[in-house]
Amino acid sequence: MKSLAAEQKQQLVEIITEEFGQGLSLAEFTEALLCLLEDVPGFETYKQSASTSLVNQLWSQYHE
């Protein structure tokens, strides 16, 4: 799977913020993100290390 574009990453953060607000823990944020990504074609082939990196990137954006 190709990496998500910066705009796509920002959209994911915006969706999570709209749905759940700003108060999620890392575990809650990760679960919400992974649920959203289930609908992205090809995500099932994403390596664990790439998923972890993506979560960390978006977690940082979530707190900006």
Protein backbone atom coordinates (compact mmCIF):
# COMPACT_ATOMS: atom_id res chain seq x y z
CA MET A 1 0.00 0.00 0.00
CA LYS A 2 1.25 3.46 -0.83
CA SER A 3 1.64 5.97 1.97
CA LEU A 4 -1.22 8.33 2.63
CA ALA A 5 -0.82 11.91 1.46
CA ALA A 6 -0.55 14.68 4.06
CA GLU A 7 -4.07 15.85 3.17
CA GLN A 8 -5.48 12.35 3.69
CA LYS A 9 -3.77 12.09 7.07
CA GLN A 10 -5.20 15.46 8.09
CA GLN A 11 -8.66 14.33 7.02
CA LEU A 12 -8.39 11.23 9.21
CA VAL A 13 -7.45 13.37 12.20
CA GLU A 14 -10.35 15.73 11.48
CA ILE A 15 -12.82 12.84 11.26
CA ILE A 16 -11.64 11.40 14.57
CA THR A 17 -11.79 14.82 16.23
CA GLU A 18 -15.32 15.45 14.92
CA GLU A 19 -16.54 12.02 16.00
CA PHE A 20 -14.81 11.70 19.38
CA GLY A 21 -13.51 15.14 20.39
CA GLN A 22 -10.05 16.03 21.65
CA GLY A 23 -9.96 13.90 24.79
CA LEU A 24 -9.06 10.44 23.49
CA SER A 25 -6.27 8.42 25.05
CA LEU A 26 -3.65 6.94 22.74
CA ALA A 27 -5.37 3.54 22.90
CA GLU A 28 -8.76 5.05 22.06
CA PHE A 29 -7.27 7.12 19.25
CA THR A 30 -5.50 4.08 17.82
CA GLU A 31 -8.69 2.03 17.88
CA ALA A 32 -10.67 4.81 16.17
CA LEU A 33 -7.99 5.24 13.52
CA LEU A 34 -7.70 1.54 12.79
CA CYS A 35 -11.48 1.29 12.45
CA LEU A 36 -11.41 4.08 9.86
CA LEU A 37 -8.55 2.47 7.99
CA GLU A 38 -10.44 -0.82 7.65
CA ASP A 39 -12.33 0.90 4.81
CA VAL A 40 -9.13 1.88 2.98
CA PRO A 41 -8.35 -0.60 0.18
CA GLY A 42 -4.98 -2.26 0.66
CA PHE A 43 -4.63 -1.39 4.32
CA GLU A 44 -4.83 -5.06 5.29
CA THR A 45 -1.39 -5.50 3.73
CA TYR A 46 0.13 -2.63 5.74
CA LYS A 47 3.01 -3.81 7.90
CA GLN A 48 2.74 -3.45 11.67
CA SER A 49 5.72 -1.07 11.75
CA ALA A 50 4.09 1.16 9.14
CA SER A 51 0.81 1.14 11.08
CA THR A 52 2.62 2.12 14.27
CA SER A 53 4.42 4.93 12.47
CA LEU A 54 1.16 6.22 11.02
CA VAL A 55 -0.55 6.13 14.43
CA ASN A 56 2.33 8.09 15.96
CA GLN A 57 2.25 10.71 13.20
CA LEU A 58 -1.48 11.22 13.44
CA TRP A 59 -1.44 11.16 17.25
CA SER A 60 0.93 14.15 17.11
CA GLN A 61 -1.37 15.97 14.68
CA TYR A 62 -4.37 15.18 16.89
CA HIS A 63 -2.74 17.12 19.75
CA GLU A 64 -1.72 20.17 17.69
